[in-house]
């Protein structure tokens, strides 16, 4: 029973870390696009 609970906890932690990493990468990509647009508007 404890092994099953431990496995479930590890899977939950792994999924949580994956979701957090995906969010961080998505925010970084959006920031890159925004910085590129700002740079292009300054050049024109």
C-alpha atoms as a PDB file:
ATOM      1  CA  UNK A   1       0.000   0.000   0.000  1.00  0.00           C
ATOM      2  CA  UNK A   2       2.810   2.418   0.899  1.00  0.00           C
ATOM      3  CA  UNK A   3       4.577   1.628  -2.386  1.00  0.00           C
ATOM      4  CA  UNK A   4       1.449   2.522  -4.346  1.00  0.00           C
ATOM      5  CA  UNK A   5       1.042   5.764  -2.412  1.00  0.00           C
ATOM      6  CA  UNK A   6       4.714   6.650  -2.929  1.00  0.00           C
ATOM      7  CA  UNK A   7       4.461   5.958  -6.671  1.00  0.00           C
ATOM      8  CA  UNK A   8       1.331   8.106  -6.947  1.00  0.00           C
ATOM      9  CA  UNK A   9       3.067  10.933  -5.082  1.00  0.00           C
ATOM     10  CA  UNK A  10       6.135  10.760  -7.343  1.00  0.00           C
ATOM     11  CA  UNK A  11       3.977  10.769 -10.482  1.00  0.00           C
ATOM     12  CA  UNK A  12       2.033  13.768  -9.162  1.00  0.00           C
ATOM     13  CA  UNK A  13       5.243  15.655  -8.390  1.00  0.00           C
ATOM     14  CA  UNK A  14       6.608  14.858 -11.850  1.00  0.00           C
ATOM     15  CA  UNK A  15       3.439  16.069 -13.536  1.00  0.00           C
ATOM     16  CA  UNK A  16       3.502  19.258 -11.468  1.00  0.00           C
ATOM     17  CA  UNK A  17       7.111  19.958 -12.413  1.00  0.00           C
ATOM     18  CA  UNK A  18       6.266  19.338 -16.073  1.00  0.00           C
ATOM     19  CA  UNK A  19       3.352  21.770 -16.008  1.00  0.00           C
ATOM     20  CA  UNK A  20       5.459  24.436 -14.285  1.00  0.00           C
ATOM     21  CA  UNK A  21       8.256  24.017 -16.861  1.00  0.00           C
ATOM     22  CA  UNK A  22       5.793  24.271 -19.738  1.00  0.00           C
ATOM     23  CA  UNK A  23       4.369  27.487 -18.276  1.00  0.00           C
ATOM     24  CA  UNK A  24       7.849  28.987 -17.792  1.00  0.00           C
ATOM     25  CA  UNK A  25       8.845  28.125 -21.368  1.00  0.00           C
ATOM     26  CA  UNK A  26       5.595  29.540 -22.741  1.00  0.00           C
ATOM     27  CA  UNK A  27       6.052  32.810 -20.838  1.00  0.00           C
ATOM     28  CA  UNK A  28       9.642  33.045 -22.068  1.00  0.00           C
ATOM     29  CA  UNK A  29       8.554  32.535 -25.666  1.00  0.00           C
ATOM     30  CA  UNK A  30       5.894  35.235 -25.342  1.00  0.00           C
ATOM     31  CA  UNK A  31       8.444  37.622 -23.832  1.00  0.00           C
ATOM     32  CA  UNK A  32      10.824  36.954 -26.746  1.00  0.00           C
ATOM     33  CA  UNK A  33       8.100  37.761 -29.262  1.00  0.00           C
ATOM     34  CA  UNK A  34       7.200  40.933 -27.387  1.00  0.00           C
ATOM     35  CA  UNK A  35      10.840  42.053 -27.234  1.00  0.00           C
ATOM     36  CA  UNK A  36      11.212  41.416 -30.983  1.00  0.00           C
ATOM     37  CA  UNK A  37       8.107  43.518 -31.703  1.00  0.00           C
ATOM     38  CA  UNK A  38       9.400  46.332 -29.475  1.00  0.00           C
ATOM     39  CA  UNK A  39      12.776  46.288 -31.240  1.00  0.00           C
ATOM     40  CA  UNK A  40      11.129  46.358 -34.676  1.00  0.00           C
ATOM     41  CA  UNK A  41       8.897  49.285 -33.679  1.00  0.00           C
ATOM     42  CA  UNK A  42      11.933  51.216 -32.380  1.00  0.00           C
ATOM     43  CA  UNK A  43      13.822  50.627 -35.650  1.00  0.00           C
ATOM     44  CA  UNK A  44      10.977  52.060 -37.771  1.00  0.00           C
END
